[in-house]
Each structure stands twice: as structure tokens, then as C-alpha cells.
Protein backbone atom coordinates (compact mmCIF):
# COMPACT_ATOMS: atom_id res chain seq x y z
CA LEU A 1 75.85 141.00 -70.16
CA SER A 2 74.61 143.07 -72.90
CA LEU A 3 70.66 143.54 -71.02
CA SER A 4 70.18 147.37 -69.78
CA SER A 5 69.98 147.36 -65.93
CA HIS A 6 66.06 147.89 -65.71
CA PHE A 7 65.84 144.02 -66.56
CA LEU A 8 67.88 143.20 -63.63
CA PRO A 9 65.95 142.06 -60.90
CA LEU A 10 65.17 144.68 -57.99
CA SER A 11 67.38 143.19 -55.32
CA LEU A 12 70.64 143.01 -57.86
CA GLN A 13 69.99 146.46 -59.30
CA ALA A 14 70.22 147.70 -55.51
CA LYS A 15 73.35 146.27 -55.14
CA MET A 16 75.06 148.11 -57.72
CA SER A 17 74.00 151.23 -56.84
CA ARG A 18 76.27 150.93 -53.88
CA PRO A 19 79.10 153.57 -54.07
CA VAL A 20 82.21 150.98 -54.87
CA GLN A 21 84.97 152.99 -54.66
CA ALA A 22 86.88 153.25 -51.11
CA ARG A 23 86.75 156.79 -49.08
CA ARG A 24 90.46 157.26 -49.45
CA LEU A 25 90.33 157.50 -53.43
CA GLU A 26 87.82 160.78 -52.59
CA GLY A 27 89.63 163.84 -53.57
CA VAL A 28 93.07 162.10 -55.20
CA ASP A 29 91.68 160.79 -58.17
CA LYS A 30 92.96 163.50 -60.82
CA ASN A 31 96.35 163.86 -61.78
CA ILE A 32 98.34 166.58 -63.54
CA TRP A 33 100.79 163.98 -65.71
CA VAL A 34 97.80 161.92 -67.41
CA GLU A 35 96.16 165.23 -69.10
CA PHE A 36 99.53 167.45 -69.36
CA VAL A 37 101.26 163.90 -71.01
CA LYS A 38 98.38 163.42 -73.40
CA LEU A 39 98.29 167.03 -74.44
CA ALA A 40 102.47 166.65 -74.65
CA THR A 41 101.47 163.65 -77.30
CA THR A 42 98.78 165.44 -79.12
CA TYR A 43 100.56 168.64 -79.87
CA SER A 44 103.74 169.19 -78.62
CA LYS A 45 106.90 169.30 -81.67
CA VAL A 46 109.26 169.77 -78.18
CA ASN A 47 108.47 168.07 -74.75
CA LEU A 48 110.37 169.62 -72.24
CA GLY A 49 107.14 168.62 -69.75
CA GLN A 50 107.67 165.58 -68.01
CA GLY A 51 110.79 164.84 -66.20
CA PHE A 52 112.94 162.26 -67.66
CA PRO A 53 116.21 162.16 -70.37
CA ASP A 54 115.80 161.83 -74.03
CA PHE A 55 119.27 160.73 -73.69
CA PRO A 56 120.66 157.61 -72.89
CA PRO A 57 121.87 155.99 -69.87
CA PRO A 58 125.94 155.48 -69.65
CA ASP A 59 127.27 152.69 -71.32
CA PHE A 60 129.12 151.19 -68.37
CA LEU A 61 125.32 150.60 -67.26
CA LYS A 62 123.41 149.23 -70.41
CA GLU A 63 126.60 147.10 -70.79
CA ALA A 64 125.70 145.50 -67.33
CA PHE A 65 121.63 145.13 -68.06
CA LEU A 66 122.99 143.31 -71.25
CA ARG A 67 125.47 140.76 -69.22
CA ALA A 68 122.84 140.25 -66.61
CA LEU A 69 120.21 139.38 -69.31
CA SER A 70 122.39 137.35 -71.33
CA GLY A 71 124.61 136.26 -69.44
CA GLU A 72 125.10 132.53 -67.67
CA ASN A 73 123.52 133.12 -64.43
CA HIS A 74 120.04 132.48 -65.39
CA MET A 75 118.65 132.78 -61.81
CA LEU A 76 118.45 136.46 -62.43
CA HIS A 77 115.58 135.49 -64.61
CA GLN A 78 113.79 134.90 -61.39
CA TYR A 79 112.71 136.20 -58.38
CA THR A 80 115.53 137.59 -56.14
CA ARG A 81 114.99 138.58 -52.16
CA GLY A 82 112.20 140.47 -51.43
CA PHE A 83 113.32 143.62 -49.80
CA GLY A 84 116.51 143.94 -52.49
CA HIS A 85 118.42 141.91 -54.55
CA PRO A 86 121.81 141.08 -52.43
CA PRO A 87 124.46 142.58 -54.44
CA LEU A 88 122.68 145.77 -54.59
CA VAL A 89 121.64 146.25 -51.16
CA LYS A 90 125.31 144.88 -49.87
CA ILE A 91 126.48 148.25 -52.16
CA LEU A 92 124.13 150.72 -51.54
CA ALA A 93 124.82 149.78 -47.74
CA GLN A 94 128.18 150.48 -48.55
CA PHE A 95 128.15 153.54 -50.35
CA PHE A 96 125.53 155.54 -48.09
CA GLY A 97 126.99 154.11 -45.07
CA LYS A 98 130.19 156.04 -46.59
CA LEU A 99 127.95 159.08 -47.29
CA LEU A 100 126.45 158.55 -43.72
CA GLY A 101 128.80 158.52 -41.63
CA GLN A 102 126.80 155.35 -40.50
CA ASP A 103 127.75 151.32 -40.30
CA LEU A 104 124.53 150.48 -42.55
CA ASP A 105 123.37 146.60 -42.67
CA PRO A 106 122.09 145.97 -46.46
CA MET A 107 119.85 143.14 -44.95
CA THR A 108 117.77 145.64 -42.36
CA ASN A 109 118.60 149.61 -43.21
CA VAL A 110 118.38 149.51 -46.63
CA MET A 111 115.25 148.26 -48.81
CA VAL A 112 114.73 148.17 -52.90
CA THR A 113 111.71 149.62 -54.55
CA VAL A 114 109.79 150.13 -57.71
CA GLY A 115 111.22 153.44 -57.98
CA ALA A 116 111.38 155.93 -55.60
CA TYR A 117 107.21 156.45 -56.19
CA GLN A 118 106.52 153.55 -54.96
CA ALA A 119 109.11 154.26 -51.92
CA LEU A 120 107.14 157.19 -51.06
CA PHE A 121 103.78 155.13 -51.11
CA CYS A 122 105.57 152.87 -48.41
CA CYS A 123 106.81 155.62 -45.97
CA PHE A 124 103.10 157.16 -46.03
CA GLN A 125 101.45 153.85 -45.60
CA ALA A 126 103.83 152.66 -42.92
CA PHE A 127 104.10 156.15 -40.58
CA VAL A 128 100.62 158.10 -41.26
CA ASP A 129 97.71 157.17 -39.13
CA GLU A 130 94.53 158.48 -39.05
CA GLY A 131 94.53 162.09 -38.00
CA ASP A 132 98.63 163.06 -38.37
CA GLU A 133 99.43 165.95 -39.41
CA VAL A 134 102.35 165.65 -41.99
CA ILE A 135 104.26 168.86 -43.07
CA ILE A 136 104.85 169.58 -46.59
CA ILE A 137 107.03 172.41 -47.95
CA GLU A 138 105.21 173.83 -51.17
CA PRO A 139 105.83 173.46 -54.14
CA PHE A 140 106.28 169.88 -54.03
CA PHE A 141 106.17 167.03 -56.23
CA ASP A 142 102.88 166.16 -56.58
CA CYS A 143 102.37 162.66 -55.31
CA TYR A 144 103.01 163.92 -51.77
CA GLU A 145 99.73 165.32 -50.70
CA PRO A 146 97.36 162.44 -52.13
CA MET A 147 99.70 159.85 -50.67
CA VAL A 148 99.47 161.62 -47.41
CA LYS A 149 95.87 161.58 -47.59
CA MET A 150 95.43 157.94 -48.72
CA ALA A 151 97.06 157.10 -45.26
CA GLY A 152 94.51 158.85 -44.09
CA GLY A 153 96.64 161.97 -42.85
CA THR A 154 95.84 165.86 -43.08
CA PRO A 155 98.81 167.78 -44.86
CA VAL A 156 99.88 170.64 -43.41
CA PHE A 157 101.75 172.98 -45.80
CA VAL A 158 104.77 175.58 -45.96
CA PRO A 159 105.62 177.73 -48.73
CA LEU A 160 109.45 178.63 -49.98
CA ARG A 161 108.32 182.41 -50.28
CA PRO A 162 110.36 184.27 -53.00
CA LYS A 163 112.79 187.22 -52.40
CA ALA A 164 113.62 189.60 -55.06
CA PRO A 165 117.19 189.62 -56.35
CA LYS A 166 119.21 192.60 -56.42
CA GLY A 167 120.71 194.59 -59.28
CA GLY A 168 118.41 193.08 -61.86
CA LYS A 169 120.22 189.59 -61.77
CA LEU A 170 118.02 186.39 -62.70
CA MET A 171 116.74 184.67 -59.78
CA SER A 172 118.32 181.78 -58.93
CA SER A 173 116.18 178.85 -56.50
CA ALA A 174 118.40 180.01 -53.37
CA ASP A 175 116.17 183.53 -53.50
CA TRP A 176 113.15 180.60 -52.79
CA GLN A 177 113.29 180.43 -49.02
CA LEU A 178 111.53 179.27 -45.73
CA ASP A 179 110.11 181.44 -43.14
CA PRO A 180 111.55 179.98 -39.97
CA ALA A 181 108.90 181.27 -37.46
CA GLU A 182 106.41 179.92 -40.42
CA LEU A 183 107.77 176.58 -40.50
CA ALA A 184 107.94 176.67 -36.62
CA SER A 185 104.11 177.29 -36.37
CA LYS A 186 103.41 174.05 -38.61
CA PHE A 187 104.48 171.58 -36.03
CA SER A 188 102.17 170.72 -33.43
CA LYS A 189 101.62 167.52 -31.02
CA ARG A 190 99.57 166.17 -34.06
CA THR A 191 102.73 166.13 -36.58
CA LYS A 192 103.94 162.82 -37.50
CA ALA A 193 106.64 163.38 -39.89
CA ILE A 194 107.76 166.43 -42.15
CA VAL A 195 108.62 165.58 -46.26
CA LEU A 196 111.92 167.16 -47.36
CA ASN A 197 112.75 167.62 -50.99
CA SER A 198 116.09 168.51 -51.70
CA PRO A 199 117.52 169.49 -54.72
CA ASN A 200 113.60 170.43 -54.85
CA ASN A 201 111.42 169.71 -57.67
CA PRO A 202 110.07 171.74 -59.34
CA LEU A 203 112.09 174.49 -58.18
CA GLY A 204 115.91 173.40 -58.33
CA LYS A 205 116.28 174.18 -54.99
CA VAL A 206 119.16 173.24 -52.73
CA PHE A 207 118.63 173.04 -49.31
CA SER A 208 121.61 174.91 -47.42
CA ARG A 209 123.16 173.27 -44.57
CA GLY A 210 121.33 176.37 -42.55
CA GLU A 211 118.12 175.24 -43.71
CA LEU A 212 118.37 172.10 -43.28
CA GLU A 213 119.36 172.36 -39.65
CA LEU A 214 116.37 174.67 -38.97
CA ILE A 215 114.18 171.79 -39.95
CA ALA A 216 116.31 169.22 -37.85
CA ASP A 217 116.22 170.79 -34.53
CA LEU A 218 112.65 171.34 -35.08
CA CYS A 219 112.23 167.74 -35.87
CA VAL A 220 114.15 166.72 -33.14
CA LYS A 221 111.87 169.14 -30.83
CA HIS A 222 108.69 167.59 -31.68
CA ASP A 223 109.78 164.22 -32.45
CA VAL A 224 109.19 164.25 -35.92
CA LEU A 225 110.10 162.05 -38.71
CA CYS A 226 111.99 163.10 -41.81
CA ILE A 227 110.74 161.43 -44.90
CA SER A 228 113.67 162.73 -47.68
CA ASP A 229 113.45 162.50 -51.18
CA GLU A 230 117.07 162.99 -52.30
CA VAL A 231 116.48 161.87 -55.79
CA TYR A 232 118.16 164.54 -57.37
CA GLU A 233 121.45 164.11 -54.98
CA TRP A 234 124.00 163.88 -58.12
CA LEU A 235 122.22 166.46 -59.78
CA VAL A 236 123.36 169.75 -57.83
CA TYR A 237 125.48 172.57 -59.82
CA ASP A 238 127.78 175.80 -59.85
CA GLY A 239 129.94 173.61 -57.03
CA LYS A 240 127.08 173.60 -54.46
CA GLU A 241 126.88 170.86 -52.07
CA HIS A 242 123.98 168.49 -51.48
CA VAL A 243 123.94 167.85 -47.24
CA ARG A 244 121.89 164.90 -46.34
CA ILE A 245 119.67 165.37 -43.59
CA ALA A 246 120.09 162.12 -42.18
CA SER A 247 123.90 162.59 -41.28
CA LEU A 248 123.01 165.92 -39.11
CA GLN A 249 122.73 165.49 -35.37
CA GLY A 250 120.05 163.99 -34.00
CA MET A 251 118.52 162.86 -37.59
CA TRP A 252 119.80 159.28 -38.35
CA ASP A 253 117.01 158.24 -35.82
CA ARG A 254 113.91 159.56 -37.21
CA THR A 255 114.66 159.79 -40.97
CA VAL A 256 114.32 157.39 -44.05
CA THR A 257 116.44 158.73 -46.78
CA ILE A 258 114.85 157.96 -50.61
CA GLY A 259 117.08 157.73 -53.68
CA SER A 260 116.51 156.70 -57.56
CA ALA A 261 118.79 154.80 -59.86
CA GLY A 262 116.57 156.82 -62.61
CA LYS A 263 117.96 159.70 -61.78
CA THR A 264 121.12 158.46 -60.55
CA PHE A 265 121.42 156.87 -63.85
CA SER A 266 119.18 158.93 -66.31
CA ALA A 267 117.43 155.38 -66.65
CA THR A 268 113.85 156.60 -65.50
CA GLY A 269 111.90 153.63 -67.33
CA TRP A 270 114.19 151.00 -64.96
CA LYS A 271 112.16 151.97 -62.00
CA VAL A 272 114.60 151.08 -59.20
CA GLY A 273 114.36 153.06 -56.20
CA TRP A 274 115.90 152.30 -52.15
CA ILE A 275 115.45 153.72 -48.55
CA VAL A 276 118.01 154.25 -46.27
CA GLY A 277 117.23 154.29 -42.60
CA PRO A 278 117.41 152.64 -39.13
CA THR A 279 116.02 149.66 -38.46
CA ARG A 280 113.29 150.32 -36.19
CA LEU A 281 112.08 152.53 -39.38
CA MET A 282 112.62 150.34 -42.01
CA GLN A 283 110.83 146.97 -40.45
CA HIS A 284 107.74 148.92 -40.78
CA LEU A 285 108.67 149.72 -44.70
CA HIS A 286 109.39 146.30 -44.82
CA THR A 287 105.72 145.48 -43.98
CA VAL A 288 104.35 147.71 -46.71
CA HIS A 289 106.24 146.04 -49.20
CA GLN A 290 105.70 142.90 -48.57
CA ASN A 291 101.89 142.90 -48.98
CA SER A 292 102.05 145.49 -51.72
CA VAL A 293 104.41 145.17 -54.43
CA TYR A 294 106.91 142.16 -52.73
CA HIS A 295 109.55 142.31 -55.38
CA CYS A 296 111.34 144.43 -57.91
CA ALA A 297 112.82 143.14 -61.48
CA THR A 298 116.52 141.81 -60.32
CA VAL A 299 117.67 142.06 -64.14
CA ALA A 300 117.38 145.71 -63.02
CA GLN A 301 118.76 145.74 -59.41
CA GLU A 302 121.95 143.66 -60.83
CA ALA A 303 122.69 146.20 -63.26
CA VAL A 304 122.13 149.55 -61.03
CA ALA A 305 124.63 147.42 -58.30
CA GLN A 306 127.02 146.67 -61.36
CA GLY A 307 126.84 150.34 -61.83
CA PHE A 308 127.07 151.30 -57.99
CA GLN A 309 129.94 149.28 -57.94
CA ARG A 310 131.86 151.18 -60.18
CA GLU A 311 131.34 154.02 -58.94
CA LEU A 312 132.60 153.28 -55.43
CA GLU A 313 135.48 152.94 -56.78
CA LEU A 314 135.82 156.20 -59.02
CA TYR A 315 134.02 158.15 -56.15
CA GLY A 316 135.16 162.00 -56.22
CA LYS A 317 137.40 161.38 -59.40
CA PRO A 318 136.88 163.26 -62.69
CA ASN A 319 135.44 160.31 -64.80
CA SER A 320 133.05 159.18 -62.12
CA TYR A 321 129.70 159.39 -63.79
CA PHE A 322 128.48 161.36 -60.48
CA ILE A 323 130.75 164.36 -61.06
CA GLN A 324 129.99 164.28 -65.37
CA LEU A 325 126.55 164.22 -65.33
CA PRO A 326 125.80 167.24 -63.50
CA LYS A 327 128.58 168.94 -65.89
CA GLU A 328 127.08 167.93 -68.71
CA LEU A 329 123.02 169.14 -67.56
CA GLN A 330 124.57 172.24 -65.69
CA GLN A 331 125.70 173.12 -69.71
CA LYS A 332 122.34 172.40 -70.86
CA ARG A 333 120.50 174.00 -67.99
CA ASP A 334 122.56 177.37 -69.12
CA LEU A 335 121.31 176.97 -72.50
CA LEU A 336 117.90 177.13 -71.50
CA VAL A 337 118.25 180.11 -69.30
CA GLN A 338 119.35 181.98 -71.75
CA SER A 339 117.15 180.69 -74.10
CA LEU A 340 114.29 181.45 -71.84
CA ASP A 341 115.97 184.77 -70.82
CA ALA A 342 116.26 186.21 -74.64
CA ALA A 343 112.55 185.21 -75.33
CA GLY A 344 111.43 187.16 -72.66
CA MET A 345 110.26 184.82 -69.97
CA LYS A 346 112.31 185.20 -66.58
CA PRO A 347 114.08 182.03 -65.82
CA ILE A 348 114.52 181.13 -61.81
CA VAL A 349 118.21 179.45 -61.88
CA PRO A 350 118.05 176.25 -60.70
CA GLU A 351 120.81 175.16 -58.02
CA GLY A 352 120.06 171.36 -58.82
CA THR A 353 117.63 168.68 -60.31
CA TYR A 354 116.21 168.33 -64.24
CA PHE A 355 113.76 171.22 -63.75
CA LEU A 356 113.86 174.94 -64.52
CA VAL A 357 110.81 177.47 -63.32
CA ALA A 358 110.21 180.43 -65.15
CA ASP A 359 107.94 183.81 -65.15
CA ILE A 360 105.52 184.03 -67.96
CA SER A 361 104.06 187.94 -66.62
CA GLU A 362 105.58 188.97 -70.19
CA PHE A 363 103.11 186.89 -72.46
CA LYS A 364 99.71 187.23 -70.41
CA SER A 365 99.07 189.72 -73.47
CA ASP A 366 99.20 186.76 -75.70
CA VAL A 367 97.08 184.43 -73.49
CA PRO A 368 94.66 187.00 -71.35
CA ASP A 369 93.55 185.75 -68.08
CA VAL A 370 89.71 184.84 -67.54
CA PRO A 371 88.13 186.79 -64.61
CA ASN A 372 86.41 184.09 -61.69
CA SER A 373 88.37 181.03 -63.72
CA ASP A 374 88.20 178.03 -60.95
CA GLU A 375 91.60 177.12 -63.62
CA PRO A 376 95.17 178.51 -62.48
CA TYR A 377 96.16 180.98 -65.14
CA ASP A 378 99.79 179.21 -65.83
CA SER A 379 97.71 175.88 -66.10
CA ARG A 380 95.63 177.18 -69.06
CA PHE A 381 98.45 179.13 -70.47
CA ALA A 382 100.64 175.69 -70.61
CA LYS A 383 97.56 174.15 -72.37
CA TRP A 384 97.28 177.26 -75.05
CA MET A 385 101.43 177.18 -75.53
CA VAL A 386 101.39 173.53 -76.11
CA LYS A 387 98.58 173.51 -78.52
CA ASN A 388 99.14 176.93 -80.46
CA LYS A 389 103.03 176.56 -80.24
CA GLY A 390 104.23 173.22 -79.84
CA LEU A 391 106.17 173.61 -76.45
CA ALA A 392 105.16 171.55 -73.73
CA ALA A 393 106.08 172.94 -69.87
CA ILE A 394 104.05 172.03 -66.59
CA PRO A 395 102.42 174.77 -64.92
CA LEU A 396 103.55 175.71 -61.23
CA SER A 397 100.46 175.52 -59.38
CA ALA A 398 100.61 171.73 -60.16
CA PHE A 399 102.91 171.60 -57.58
CA TYR A 400 100.59 173.72 -55.05
CA CYS A 401 97.94 172.34 -52.33
CA GLY A 402 94.34 173.58 -53.75
CA ALA A 403 94.61 176.85 -51.62
CA HIS A 404 97.51 178.05 -52.62
CA LYS A 405 97.49 177.47 -56.45
CA ASN A 406 96.48 180.88 -57.47
CA ASN A 407 98.89 182.40 -55.14
CA TYR A 408 101.92 180.86 -57.57
CA SER A 409 100.05 180.93 -61.07
CA HIS A 410 102.81 182.85 -63.63
CA PHE A 411 104.88 179.81 -63.39
CA ILE A 412 105.83 177.13 -65.29
CA ARG A 413 108.12 174.45 -65.35
CA PHE A 414 110.42 172.85 -68.18
CA CYS A 415 112.51 170.21 -68.01
CA PHE A 416 116.09 170.44 -69.41
CA ALA A 417 117.43 166.73 -69.23
CA LYS A 418 117.30 166.74 -72.90
CA GLU A 419 120.04 165.93 -76.12
CA GLU A 420 121.15 169.73 -77.04
CA ALA A 421 118.92 169.45 -80.31
CA THR A 422 115.66 169.38 -78.13
CA LEU A 423 117.09 172.09 -76.51
CA LYS A 424 118.08 173.81 -79.47
CA ALA A 425 114.11 173.24 -80.91
CA ALA A 426 112.96 174.68 -77.67
CA ASN A 427 114.94 178.24 -78.56
CA ASP A 428 114.06 177.93 -82.05
CA ILE A 429 110.12 177.69 -81.28
CA LEU A 430 110.64 180.71 -78.25
CA GLN A 431 112.84 182.98 -80.57
CA LYS A 432 110.19 182.81 -82.99
CA TRP A 433 107.21 183.36 -80.60
CA LYS A 434 109.31 186.92 -79.47
CA ARG A 435 109.58 187.97 -82.78
CA GLU A 436 106.23 187.81 -83.32
CA LYS A 437 105.64 189.37 -80.23
CA THR A 438 107.79 192.20 -81.27
CA SER A 439 105.71 192.57 -84.61
CA SER A 440 102.46 192.54 -84.02
């Protein structure tokens, strides 16, 4: 209707004035990616903000997709099994059964989701009730907090605390650690789950076996579930070991492990994720899944199944993609570390993931502080940098809860899963900026 509201009957006006949004949406409407993706699209010459590769997936995966798309099996264009395409859940059960030391039933212990994002949503909806507490380790991937709140739960935050490295070395993500007593103090009778993200986005921290055993012991002691987000499981560097918490004593029965074909095979737009766990937990995830998306794209699942079939045959061999990709990314990481270090931004060397966090304290003269500002300093810095230098990154404060945002507001996160030319263009911007600073 083009009539303005004062021409409508009073009864209709009254109905239209009621709040339309559900209470569960209160306070979770803002999203860092909406704002910064728009800024990057508008201003950036080089986008190291969002976490996706600008290089292609491996040829064997693209070929598998094309075969599925154009082959004789026309049923690959139709619905498949709602909880996961049978060839994919079978190979995932075989592959992760081997890694976790479990005999997995593909029909009950594995579920395919629309990316790891939907996997997380299913977990919080299936396990978290009104009044339940969920422990989140800071810094955290930003969707954990709103998803816990939408499920009616209360997020409880515990930070990784940085320790200065000795001998003037660059800081490593390993220098950010949990305080065991502080972590233990967050567990109570209201704690339903803890969210673990290793390797961690945004820091690139790979939790050590000792750190995971500390978390596992507390989960067992307090009968708490573990939601383990392991999407970067293959992307670990410098010979580090990715330890799966579900493989530790007492943890299989209380852990759901989330994976991603997007991160595993450099195909983030395919949106194929999965959850692996014991039947007693998986059955509730099935309920959420069947009442939300119900089904994921068949062709993409078929191609991912073929990718895993190849990787199972090549497991541990030099030509495995799971060995080649981290080697390539480690070189890209080192390029960006050198660029940032030379420019005067102090990089924190990541042990894993696509990401690298850098300290921007030396650049404060370029973007002066605004006293009593509600916006954290790193957020203003990142906006200024994309508008004035054409380089996009994400403020680290976006990965902290509201109360802690200003405690860690002199860091920004860069993504190094990019072509060498992209990283060189970023280096050119940084070195030009440094020359301007030196001459001014």
C-alpha cells in the first residue's frame, strides 16, 4: 500500500506498532563482516581481511566437481540423504575413524552441514538451554557469542594471555596461553559446554597436547561437553602437531568435532562442512538439521567425497594435498611476516590457520587516539588504513566480547592465504607507508 499510516484504521495501526523481532535477536544484530567487507569492496587495493584464498582449489577437486556435474549419474542433480551424501559420510567415517581411533558408523557418527558455520549453529541449538553457560576462549571466531545467546545460553569468556618472548624474538601464537587457575574458575554446575578452536582463528594458535589435556580434565570433572572447531586442522606449520581433543582420554563421548571442506580443500564457496561425534550427541544435531536446512548441495558433496578418497590413498605421502598446502601456506606466512616486520608492525607468528595478527602500536601517530571513544582503537585504525592506504585487515577487538574489546585494541588480523602477487602488493603498500613515516 502507498497510503501513509495515518490513513489506516486505528486497529491496524496498533497491530503494526508491536515489535516484530524475536527476543533472541536482541543484541546480536551487528556483524563485523558486513561492515568490513563493504569497506574492503569500496576502498581496498589489497584485501587481506576476509579469510578465503584467492588461489584455486586443487585440480583433482575441480575435476571431481566437473565429473559430478556433467557425468552420466543425473541423480547427482537431485536430493541426496539429508544428513549427508552416502559416499561422503562413508569416506569421512573411514578417514576420521582412523585419526580418532574410533570405529565410526557413517550413518550415525557423521553429519554433513552447510559449511562449518551451520555445524556450529546446530551444536548450540541442540545442546544449549536457557540458563546454560558456555565457556568461550578469547580471542574467538565472532559467531560463537551470538549463536550461544540465540540459543538462550550465557557466554562465559576466558582469555588467552600473551607472555612477552625472550631475547627480542618475534612473538609466536604459542606465547598466548590460558591461565590454568583462571580457566578452572570458569567451570561451574551451570557450565554445559566449552568451545575449543584449534588451530585458533584469529591468532593461529595450535593448542599443545598439555593445554588440551588441561581442558579435557576439566570437561570430565564437571561433565561438560566440548564443541571442537577444527576447520584449520591441516593448516599447521613448523612441524607442529594438530591434536584432536576427541582422541584424549574421556573425551570421545562428550565431544563433537567440526570440519570444513572449504578450509581443507581451499574451496570456501562450496559450503560443505561436517560434524563427527558419538551417537548420543549426533542424534540431537540431526533434529536441528532436519528442521533447518535439511539438505546440502549434492554435487559439492560428491566432489568432496572424491577428494577425501584421493587423500586417504595418499595419506602421509609427500604428494598429499594435506602435506603440500601447509608447505605453500607456511611460505606465504613467512612472506607476510617479513613485510610487516620490515614496516614496523610487529607480527605474531602463527603456528597454524590462514591468519596472522600484528601489533600496530608503532603506528599510533598516524591514527591518533580519540579519548572516551566507544569504538576500539584497532577498529578505527583498520577503517583508516583501508580508506587511506588501500589495505584491508580486520581489528582483533572484533574477536573479543564487549567488556574486553579495549584490552586488546592495538592488534589487527591479516589473511595470508593469498597469491604471491597479492602479498607482494601488500608489501609494496607497507614499504611505501614506512618511507612516508620515515621522511615525515
